Structures are given as structure tokens and as C-alpha cells.
Protein backbone atom coordinates (compact mmCIF):
# COMPACT_ATOMS: atom_id res chain seq x y z
CA MET A 1 95.91 -104.54 -58.67
CA ALA A 2 97.38 -105.56 -61.87
CA GLY A 3 100.67 -104.45 -60.63
CA MET A 4 100.69 -106.36 -57.50
CA LYS A 5 103.69 -108.67 -57.19
CA LEU A 6 102.68 -111.59 -54.91
CA THR A 7 105.04 -114.25 -53.60
CA LYS A 8 103.83 -117.67 -53.28
CA SER A 9 102.92 -118.44 -49.47
CA PRO A 10 105.51 -120.39 -47.68
CA LEU A 11 102.33 -122.59 -46.33
CA ALA A 12 101.27 -123.50 -49.90
CA PRO A 13 100.85 -127.06 -50.71
CA GLU A 14 103.70 -128.69 -52.53
CA THR A 15 101.41 -129.43 -55.77
CA THR A 16 98.13 -128.49 -56.91
CA PRO A 17 95.65 -131.53 -57.28
CA ILE A 18 94.30 -132.07 -60.83
CA LEU A 19 90.71 -131.93 -60.43
CA PRO A 20 88.41 -134.61 -62.06
CA GLN A 21 86.42 -133.79 -65.11
CA ILE A 22 82.91 -133.83 -63.66
CA ALA A 23 80.32 -135.44 -65.91
CA GLY A 24 77.56 -132.94 -66.71
CA VAL A 25 79.36 -129.46 -66.62
CA GLU A 26 81.68 -127.53 -68.73
CA PHE A 27 83.84 -124.56 -68.11
CA ALA A 28 85.38 -121.36 -70.04
CA VAL A 29 87.35 -118.75 -68.81
CA GLY A 30 88.39 -115.17 -69.97
CA SER A 31 89.93 -111.95 -68.99
CA ASN A 32 88.33 -108.78 -68.40
CA GLY A 33 91.76 -107.05 -67.75
CA PHE A 34 91.56 -106.40 -64.10
CA TYR A 35 94.83 -108.37 -63.64
CA GLY A 36 96.53 -107.71 -67.05
CA ASN A 37 96.07 -110.61 -69.25
CA ARG A 38 95.24 -112.91 -66.51
CA ASN A 39 92.00 -114.71 -66.76
CA ASP A 40 89.53 -113.13 -64.41
CA VAL A 41 86.11 -114.52 -64.99
CA PHE A 42 84.69 -118.08 -65.48
CA ILE A 43 81.58 -119.85 -66.70
CA ALA A 44 80.46 -123.03 -65.67
CA ARG A 45 77.53 -124.56 -67.76
CA PHE A 46 75.51 -127.63 -66.84
CA GLU A 47 74.20 -129.73 -69.54
CA GLN A 48 71.09 -130.61 -67.71
CA PRO A 49 69.45 -128.96 -64.56
CA ALA A 50 71.85 -129.58 -61.85
CA SER A 51 70.92 -129.53 -58.02
CA ALA A 52 72.10 -126.32 -56.38
CA ALA A 53 72.74 -125.35 -52.75
CA GLY A 54 74.58 -122.53 -51.03
CA VAL A 55 75.44 -120.63 -47.83
CA PHE A 56 76.13 -116.99 -48.06
CA THR A 57 77.57 -114.26 -45.90
CA ARG A 58 75.62 -112.76 -43.00
CA SER A 59 76.91 -109.33 -43.51
CA SER A 60 74.21 -106.61 -43.61
CA THR A 61 76.27 -104.99 -46.47
CA CYS A 62 76.19 -107.82 -48.80
CA SER A 63 76.87 -107.74 -52.40
CA ALA A 64 74.07 -107.68 -55.30
CA ASP A 65 75.45 -111.07 -56.25
CA VAL A 66 74.72 -112.51 -52.95
CA ASP A 67 71.23 -111.19 -52.80
CA TRP A 68 70.52 -112.53 -56.33
CA CYS A 69 71.83 -116.03 -55.26
CA ARG A 70 69.73 -116.18 -52.23
CA GLU A 71 66.65 -115.02 -54.30
CA ALA A 72 67.55 -117.37 -57.17
CA LEU A 73 67.80 -120.56 -54.88
CA SER A 74 64.44 -120.03 -53.20
CA ALA A 75 62.62 -119.12 -56.64
CA GLY A 76 64.21 -121.89 -58.66
CA GLN A 77 64.08 -124.56 -55.88
CA GLY A 78 67.64 -125.34 -56.15
CA GLU A 79 67.92 -125.81 -59.90
CA ALA A 80 71.16 -124.68 -61.79
CA SER A 81 71.75 -124.11 -65.33
CA ALA A 82 74.88 -121.91 -65.13
CA LEU A 83 77.46 -120.13 -62.77
CA VAL A 84 79.25 -116.79 -63.64
CA VAL A 85 82.01 -115.68 -61.41
CA ASN A 86 84.30 -112.72 -62.06
CA ALA A 87 87.33 -111.41 -59.93
CA GLY A 88 88.63 -107.70 -59.75
CA ASN A 89 85.29 -106.11 -58.78
CA SER A 90 83.08 -107.38 -55.87
CA ASN A 91 79.79 -105.53 -57.31
CA ALA A 92 79.16 -104.68 -53.45
CA PHE A 93 77.78 -101.29 -52.31
CA THR A 94 77.09 -100.48 -55.95
CA GLY A 95 73.25 -99.83 -55.65
CA ALA A 96 71.34 -99.76 -58.69
CA ALA A 97 74.15 -100.02 -60.97
CA GLY A 98 74.94 -103.48 -59.32
CA VAL A 99 71.41 -104.86 -59.85
CA ALA A 100 71.60 -103.63 -63.52
CA LYS A 101 75.10 -105.70 -64.04
CA ASN A 102 73.38 -108.56 -62.54
CA ASN A 103 70.20 -108.37 -64.82
CA ALA A 104 72.39 -107.72 -67.92
CA THR A 105 74.50 -110.90 -67.07
CA ILE A 106 71.54 -113.25 -66.24
CA ALA A 107 69.77 -111.99 -69.57
CA ALA A 108 72.84 -112.65 -71.54
CA VAL A 109 73.05 -116.47 -70.20
CA THR A 110 69.40 -116.97 -70.47
CA GLN A 111 69.41 -115.96 -74.12
CA LEU A 112 72.59 -118.02 -74.91
CA ASN A 113 71.32 -120.98 -72.85
CA ASN A 114 67.82 -120.93 -73.17
CA SER A 115 67.40 -121.34 -69.55
CA LYS A 116 65.49 -119.73 -66.59
CA SER A 117 66.96 -116.74 -65.00
CA SER A 118 66.53 -118.40 -61.62
CA SER A 119 68.77 -121.17 -62.62
CA VAL A 120 71.75 -118.73 -63.20
CA PHE A 121 74.03 -118.04 -60.38
CA LEU A 122 76.55 -115.17 -59.99
CA ALA A 123 79.58 -114.32 -57.87
CA ALA A 124 82.00 -111.50 -57.78
CA THR A 125 85.17 -110.74 -55.71
CA GLY A 126 87.54 -107.72 -55.55
CA VAL A 127 87.35 -104.23 -54.80
CA ILE A 128 84.07 -102.85 -52.89
CA GLY A 129 82.06 -99.83 -53.98
CA GLU A 130 83.29 -99.43 -57.55
CA PRO A 131 80.33 -99.82 -60.07
CA LEU A 132 80.79 -101.50 -63.36
CA GLU A 133 78.82 -100.66 -66.66
CA PRO A 134 75.75 -102.87 -66.92
CA GLU A 135 77.02 -104.84 -69.85
CA PHE A 136 80.45 -105.24 -68.82
CA ILE A 137 80.34 -108.90 -67.50
CA ALA A 138 77.40 -109.75 -70.04
CA ASP A 139 79.71 -109.01 -72.93
CA LYS A 140 82.48 -111.07 -71.55
CA VAL A 141 79.88 -113.84 -71.25
CA ARG A 142 79.04 -113.81 -74.78
CA GLU A 143 82.48 -113.59 -75.77
CA ILE A 144 83.67 -116.63 -73.96
CA TRP A 145 80.39 -118.74 -74.20
CA PRO A 146 81.67 -120.44 -77.55
CA LYS A 147 84.72 -121.48 -75.69
CA LEU A 148 82.70 -123.70 -72.99
CA GLY A 149 84.29 -127.17 -72.66
CA THR A 150 87.86 -125.58 -73.48
CA ALA A 151 88.75 -125.01 -69.78
CA SER A 152 89.03 -127.27 -66.80
CA LEU A 153 87.91 -126.81 -63.04
CA ASN A 154 91.62 -126.15 -62.45
CA ASP A 155 91.43 -123.19 -64.59
CA ALA A 156 88.29 -121.83 -63.17
CA GLY A 157 89.97 -122.12 -59.65
CA GLU A 158 92.83 -119.83 -61.11
CA ALA A 159 90.44 -117.25 -62.85
CA PHE A 160 88.80 -115.96 -59.46
CA MET A 161 91.85 -115.39 -57.66
CA THR A 162 92.57 -111.88 -56.14
CA THR A 163 95.39 -111.67 -53.70
CA ASP A 164 95.75 -115.52 -53.55
CA THR A 165 99.25 -116.53 -54.10
CA PHE A 166 97.99 -119.98 -55.15
CA PRO A 167 94.77 -121.77 -56.39
CA LYS A 168 92.94 -123.69 -53.78
CA ALA A 169 91.74 -127.04 -55.01
CA SER A 170 90.55 -130.34 -53.51
CA THR A 171 89.12 -133.62 -54.98
CA ALA A 172 87.84 -136.85 -53.52
CA SER A 173 86.00 -139.94 -54.76
CA ALA A 174 83.19 -141.76 -53.05
CA SER A 175 80.92 -144.76 -53.57
CA ILE A 176 77.15 -144.39 -53.46
CA ASP A 177 75.31 -147.81 -53.65
CA GLY A 178 78.37 -149.33 -55.29
CA VAL A 179 78.85 -146.63 -57.64
CA GLU A 180 81.88 -144.29 -57.82
CA VAL A 181 81.11 -140.65 -57.93
CA GLN A 182 83.50 -137.62 -58.41
CA ILE A 183 83.92 -134.41 -56.01
CA GLY A 184 85.93 -131.48 -57.30
CA GLY A 185 86.23 -128.21 -55.35
CA ILE A 186 87.93 -124.84 -55.82
CA ALA A 187 88.01 -121.80 -53.48
CA LYS A 188 89.69 -118.50 -53.43
CA GLY A 189 90.36 -116.30 -50.29
CA SER A 190 93.51 -114.73 -48.64
CA GLY A 191 92.32 -111.58 -46.78
CA MET A 192 89.23 -110.37 -45.29
CA ILE A 193 88.60 -113.84 -44.12
CA MET A 194 86.35 -114.83 -41.11
CA PRO A 195 83.43 -116.27 -42.98
CA ASN A 196 80.06 -115.86 -41.05
CA MET A 197 77.71 -117.86 -43.36
CA ALA A 198 77.70 -118.92 -44.04
CA THR A 199 86.72 -112.24 -49.51
CA MET A 200 85.90 -116.05 -49.63
CA LEU A 201 84.31 -117.91 -52.60
CA GLY A 202 84.14 -121.65 -52.94
CA TYR A 203 82.47 -124.22 -55.27
CA VAL A 204 82.14 -127.97 -55.09
CA PHE A 205 81.01 -129.86 -58.12
CA THR A 206 79.83 -133.65 -58.11
CA ASP A 207 78.36 -135.89 -60.68
CA ALA A 208 76.38 -137.74 -57.85
CA ASN A 209 72.66 -137.59 -58.25
CA LEU A 210 71.72 -135.73 -55.23
CA SER A 211 68.50 -133.77 -54.75
CA PRO A 212 68.64 -129.94 -53.87
CA SER A 213 67.49 -130.51 -50.28
CA VAL A 214 70.36 -133.18 -49.97
CA CYS A 215 72.90 -130.69 -51.11
CA GLN A 216 71.62 -127.79 -48.85
CA ALA A 217 71.54 -130.34 -45.79
CA LEU A 218 75.21 -131.27 -46.50
CA LEU A 219 76.32 -127.62 -46.52
CA ALA A 220 74.32 -127.10 -43.27
CA ARG A 221 75.96 -130.01 -41.77
CA TYR A 222 79.66 -129.29 -42.49
CA THR A 223 79.95 -125.28 -42.78
CA ASP A 224 80.25 -124.70 -39.10
CA SER A 225 83.18 -127.03 -38.62
CA THR A 226 85.12 -126.00 -41.79
CA PHE A 227 84.59 -122.51 -43.41
CA ASN A 228 83.22 -121.04 -40.12
CA CYS A 229 85.93 -122.17 -38.31
CA ILE A 230 88.76 -119.99 -40.14
CA THR A 231 89.92 -116.62 -39.69
CA VAL A 232 92.71 -114.64 -41.13
CA ASP A 233 92.00 -111.04 -39.94
CA GLY A 234 88.46 -111.33 -38.43
CA ASP A 235 86.92 -109.46 -41.06
CA THR A 236 83.67 -110.88 -42.75
CA SER A 237 83.46 -110.17 -46.58
CA THR A 238 80.29 -108.76 -48.32
CA SER A 239 80.63 -111.65 -50.74
CA ASP A 240 81.23 -114.80 -48.77
CA THR A 241 79.79 -117.56 -50.76
CA PHE A 242 80.04 -121.34 -50.79
CA MET A 243 77.96 -123.43 -53.11
CA LEU A 244 77.40 -127.06 -54.10
CA PHE A 245 76.42 -128.42 -57.37
CA ALA A 246 75.37 -131.86 -58.28
CA THR A 247 74.99 -132.67 -61.98
CA ARG A 248 73.03 -135.80 -61.23
CA LYS A 249 74.81 -137.81 -63.85
CA VAL A 250 76.09 -140.77 -61.67
CA GLY A 251 74.34 -143.10 -59.33
CA PRO A 252 70.88 -143.59 -57.74
CA LEU A 253 68.81 -140.49 -56.86
CA ILE A 254 69.43 -139.57 -53.20
CA GLU A 255 66.48 -137.50 -51.73
CA ASP A 256 67.29 -138.08 -48.07
CA VAL A 257 70.51 -136.55 -46.52
CA ASN A 258 70.32 -139.54 -43.68
CA ASP A 259 70.11 -142.13 -46.46
CA GLU A 260 72.94 -144.66 -45.31
CA ARG A 261 74.01 -144.78 -49.09
CA ILE A 262 75.67 -141.65 -49.04
CA ALA A 263 77.57 -142.21 -45.87
CA ASP A 264 80.89 -142.49 -47.76
CA PHE A 265 80.10 -139.43 -50.08
CA SER A 266 79.33 -137.36 -46.84
CA VAL A 267 82.61 -138.15 -45.46
CA ALA A 268 84.39 -137.69 -48.84
CA PHE A 269 82.54 -133.96 -49.30
CA HIS A 270 83.41 -132.98 -45.66
CA LYS A 271 87.09 -133.62 -46.32
CA VAL A 272 87.07 -131.45 -49.47
CA MET A 273 85.25 -128.56 -47.56
CA HIS A 274 87.94 -128.95 -44.74
CA ASP A 275 90.72 -129.12 -47.06
CA LEU A 276 89.75 -125.99 -49.05
CA ALA A 277 89.12 -124.19 -45.80
CA ILE A 278 92.55 -124.70 -44.48
CA GLN A 279 93.92 -123.92 -47.83
CA ILE A 280 92.44 -120.45 -47.39
CA VAL A 281 94.26 -119.92 -44.05
CA ARG A 282 97.60 -121.26 -45.46
CA ASP A 283 97.27 -118.41 -48.03
CA GLY A 284 96.33 -115.92 -45.44
CA GLU A 285 97.92 -112.53 -46.66
CA GLY A 286 101.49 -112.25 -45.51
CA ALA A 287 101.19 -115.50 -43.41
CA THR A 288 104.19 -117.66 -42.56
CA LYS A 289 102.67 -119.87 -40.02
CA LEU A 290 99.39 -121.86 -39.91
CA VAL A 291 97.97 -122.03 -36.51
CA ASP A 292 95.07 -124.34 -34.97
CA ILE A 293 93.59 -123.18 -31.56
CA THR A 294 91.65 -126.02 -29.71
CA VAL A 295 89.68 -124.83 -26.66
CA THR A 296 88.36 -127.48 -24.17
CA GLY A 297 86.71 -127.46 -20.87
CA ALA A 298 84.20 -125.01 -22.11
CA ALA A 299 80.54 -124.64 -21.06
CA SER A 300 79.23 -125.26 -24.60
CA VAL A 301 80.57 -125.68 -28.12
CA SER A 302 79.48 -122.22 -29.15
CA SER A 303 81.39 -120.74 -26.02
CA ALA A 304 84.54 -122.87 -26.92
CA LYS A 305 84.34 -121.48 -30.39
CA ILE A 306 83.94 -117.81 -29.30
CA ILE A 307 86.98 -118.14 -27.18
CA ALA A 308 89.20 -119.86 -29.91
CA THR A 309 88.08 -117.24 -32.25
CA SER A 310 89.01 -114.56 -29.84
CA ILE A 311 92.46 -116.11 -29.56
CA ALA A 312 92.70 -116.44 -33.23
CA ASN A 313 91.67 -112.85 -34.08
CA SER A 314 93.86 -111.15 -31.54
CA PRO A 315 96.58 -108.94 -33.20
CA LEU A 316 98.71 -109.32 -30.05
CA VAL A 317 98.61 -113.04 -30.24
CA LYS A 318 99.27 -113.19 -33.96
CA THR A 319 102.02 -110.71 -34.01
CA ALA A 320 103.67 -112.59 -31.21
CA LEU A 321 103.43 -116.06 -33.06
CA ALA A 322 105.01 -114.25 -36.23
CA ALA A 323 107.97 -113.24 -34.11
CA SER A 324 108.13 -117.00 -32.66
CA ASP A 325 107.37 -115.23 -29.20
CA ALA A 326 105.59 -117.69 -26.83
CA ASN A 327 103.77 -114.79 -25.11
CA TRP A 328 101.18 -117.00 -23.55
CA GLY A 329 99.95 -113.81 -21.44
CA ARG A 330 98.35 -112.44 -24.59
CA ILE A 331 96.33 -115.77 -24.77
CA VAL A 332 95.12 -115.26 -21.44
CA MET A 333 93.94 -111.77 -22.24
CA ALA A 334 92.15 -113.02 -25.42
CA VAL A 335 90.38 -115.65 -23.36
CA GLY A 336 89.39 -113.22 -20.65
CA LYS A 337 87.88 -110.56 -22.62
CA THR A 338 85.35 -112.73 -24.45
CA ASP A 339 82.85 -112.66 -21.29
CA GLN A 340 82.48 -116.42 -21.61
CA PRO A 341 82.42 -118.93 -18.57
CA VAL A 342 86.05 -119.54 -17.63
CA ASN A 343 87.61 -120.78 -14.45
CA ARG A 344 90.70 -118.55 -14.17
CA ASP A 345 92.38 -120.75 -11.61
CA ALA A 346 91.81 -123.94 -13.71
CA LEU A 347 93.02 -122.24 -16.97
CA SER A 348 95.61 -124.40 -18.68
CA ILE A 349 97.55 -123.52 -22.01
CA SER A 350 100.01 -125.57 -24.18
CA PHE A 351 101.89 -124.64 -27.22
CA GLY A 352 102.02 -128.20 -28.96
CA ASP A 353 103.41 -130.50 -26.35
CA VAL A 354 104.98 -127.64 -24.41
CA GLU A 355 102.65 -126.76 -21.27
CA VAL A 356 103.23 -123.08 -20.25
CA ALA A 357 100.27 -122.86 -17.86
CA ARG A 358 98.21 -124.96 -15.35
CA ASN A 359 95.76 -124.25 -12.68
CA GLY A 360 95.64 -120.45 -13.47
CA MET A 361 99.45 -119.98 -13.26
CA ARG A 362 102.68 -120.59 -14.96
CA VAL A 363 103.94 -124.37 -14.70
CA PRO A 364 106.62 -124.77 -12.12
CA ASP A 365 108.96 -126.00 -14.64
CA TYR A 366 108.36 -123.48 -17.37
CA SER A 367 110.90 -123.38 -20.05
CA GLU A 368 111.03 -120.09 -22.30
CA ASP A 369 113.41 -121.86 -24.71
CA ALA A 370 110.85 -124.77 -25.14
CA ALA A 371 107.97 -122.54 -25.59
CA SER A 372 109.80 -120.39 -27.96
CA LYS A 373 111.14 -123.41 -29.95
CA ALA A 374 107.57 -124.63 -30.39
CA CYS A 375 106.32 -121.14 -31.79
CA GLN A 376 109.07 -121.39 -34.23
CA ALA A 377 107.41 -124.15 -36.27
CA GLN A 378 105.61 -123.43 -39.52
CA GLU A 379 102.51 -125.18 -38.13
CA ILE A 380 101.83 -124.42 -34.39
CA SER A 381 99.01 -126.00 -32.08
CA ILE A 382 97.74 -124.09 -29.28
CA ARG A 383 95.58 -125.93 -26.67
CA VAL A 384 93.57 -124.09 -23.91
CA ASP A 385 91.56 -125.61 -21.22
CA VAL A 386 89.09 -123.17 -19.55
CA GLY A 387 87.91 -125.56 -16.76
CA VAL A 388 84.24 -125.18 -16.63
CA GLY A 389 82.81 -128.10 -18.83
CA ASP A 390 83.53 -130.79 -21.14
CA ALA A 391 82.69 -129.02 -24.74
CA GLN A 392 85.49 -128.03 -27.11
CA ALA A 393 85.84 -126.36 -30.48
CA GLN A 394 88.87 -125.81 -32.95
CA VAL A 395 89.61 -122.97 -34.94
CA TRP A 396 92.42 -122.26 -37.53
CA THR A 397 94.10 -118.96 -38.32
CA CYS A 398 97.66 -117.56 -39.14
CA ASP A 399 100.22 -115.19 -37.95
CA LEU A 400 100.21 -111.42 -38.69
CA THR A 401 103.20 -110.09 -40.40
CA HIS A 402 104.33 -106.86 -42.05
CA GLY A 403 103.48 -108.79 -45.45
CA TYR A 404 99.73 -108.07 -44.52
CA VAL A 405 100.12 -104.43 -44.26
CA ASP A 406 102.08 -104.38 -47.46
CA ILE A 407 99.62 -106.31 -49.52
CA ASN A 408 96.54 -104.41 -48.25
CA GLY A 409 98.22 -101.10 -48.37
CA ALA A 410 98.87 -101.63 -52.07
CA TYR A 411 95.70 -103.33 -52.83
CA ARG A 412 94.03 -100.33 -54.94
CA THR A 413 97.31 -98.81 -56.13
């Protein structure tokens, strides 16, 4: 992996936002050597117990780190003292060795920080199935612990990149009862992306005084419309994790997610989650086009999402878009194979403003040139109405190019 030369995605944002310094949390970064001399591990330490919440992969072969985080959230009732994240090795499918690595890392943190084990959270991303020596990450934690406070949240966002070509970062501020609070988020992911939580990791930090239950409720409210609505390749990682940490340093205590005082915060938090999710799609391995797919006229929201995801995951659709080929027949195929309620004779399809099919057949004034031109854009909108109801859903994806094969063919070499 250290020898992989990755070109920055053409869909990358022009700049990476400078994330705010969140009161009550400090960071340190270091290198385990997985990517040469590049930093590949970070620690976040909370000055006082922070509120924690998380959503995790539904994969039945999830990593030892995911198992631990679920257990810790329950046992510690959403209290966090530290977070340790490493890249280069996912600690998934590693059996007893993976658990031993976690136990050693947790022991190192609790000894250094005089904290409870259930307040320490872990995550790992990288190659699946390669065990680490138990003390490998623990030794690095001991080495860089004295450096806490010398790194920024932006530095942490760069340290857990794998095949990412740019760091994903987003920030917002909000008012809670007249007091301004800060939100800063980081995420990583480029391939093996179709989160079902809920290889995708994301963390949002805020100085707001939110209880653990409020943090968890906010994640539950917005995960389905953000991270669970993106796909690069249809593969759900063993390590998918998204967590929210509130340091509780600023503003009044909020213990009810429906408290009107956090209405502004709720909007800002959703914005950060959505922004991070779309950045992951923009960095899809080998991607050259960002595609949003909206399905309307469905029997239910879940049905609309299944249909939209089928289109988004179709290799035939994705390769056609890579070639700027408006092959809408492949969309018809992707809709039909879902076994969802669809009125074939009312089906309509558009690429942006260019309608290509209506009432179950090609439009009379169909223009191949206009449709192809719409597919040449770097950002493409596909609209499909299936004609059976009034529900809708939106999914974001990218095209599928030779670059995806090149990156994944070289991943372990």
C-alpha cells in the first residue's frame, strides 16, 4: 500500500475547510509505517467525560473494533474519554488476535488516562484478515500520547485515509439557546462503500452540551438520509462506523432531542453529515462523475430507495455513465430487477432536464445528442418515476472506470 500512487479525484472540493478547535478535546497523530512515513493513527482525548453515540456496520463479519464499540457504548452508557483510530489494518476477521490487540490498546489508554475501559473507543481501517501483534497499536499510543494537543482535527482526518485521494472534512456552527457552538467532522472512504448501518469511518465532534441519548437520537434521525444513501461499489465494509462526540463544554444541557433549543444545531449537524457523505462519493475509487439518482412515484420510501440503489449499483449503468453513454435501457433493467412495485407503462426517465422516456417508452422527440451531452457533465442527475405512488428517495453514487480496477488490483501489492 505504501507504494500506491493515487491521483487526486477530479471531483474533489477545491479546498479543505479548516476545522474549528473544539473545546474539550485534543488530538495527536503518529505513524505505524503502513504508508511509509505518513501518519496513519490518531488519538482523540477528552478533557472530561464526553457524550458518545454511534452507528455501525450491519455486516455479519464485522471487525473486532466494531464489536468493542457496541459493547462499550452500552456498558459505559455513552461516556467517552478517548478514541484511537488506525489505518492500514482493519482488525477484521482476525479472531482472538484482534481481541487481544484491542485489549492491549484499551489497557494502554486507561493506564495513561486513568479512565474506564468502557469509555475508550477504537476503530481500524485497511486490509481485512491480517492480524497484528497485540501491542502494535498500544505501543504507538504510548509513544504519541505525550503529543496530545499538538495535532488538529484536520490532522486526524488525514491520518486515517487509505485509498482516499483527499481528506474529507466539514464544519458548521449553530446556536443553542443563544450560545454559539461548533461542529467539526471528518470521514474517510473511497471504496467498499455502501454503508448499511449503519471502508467508511466518520467522526463528528461538537462542544455542545448534549446528553448521550440526544447524540444517539440525532444519529438515528439523519443516518438513513446521508451515509445510508451513498454507494460507490455496493460493498458494505466490515468496519463501517460513524460516531458523534459532544464535549459538553458550551451551552445549556440538552437531554431531549425534540427540545426546540437545538433546532438550529440539528440542521447544522445534518448539513455536516450530508456533506461528509457526498465527499466520500466524490472520492469513489477511480470516479470521474458524481451521480444523484432520485426515484419518485414509488409505493413507499423504502421501495424508492431500493430502486434507486439498484440503479446506483448497476455496473452496466455506471460504466455507461463513465463513457457518457445515455444508455437509459440499462436503467429500465435496473428498475425491473428489484421486484418492487413498478408500473412499466407509466415509467419515465430523465437525465437532468433531458427527458428520454415517458409512459413506458422512449419520448417521441428523443434526442441522442441531448441525452449524451447531459451525461458528459461531471455531475449528473437521473430522475426516474415508477408511476405507482407518491413516495420518493434519493441516492448518490459515482461512475465506474478502469481506475477502480487499477486501484483495487494494486491494493495489496
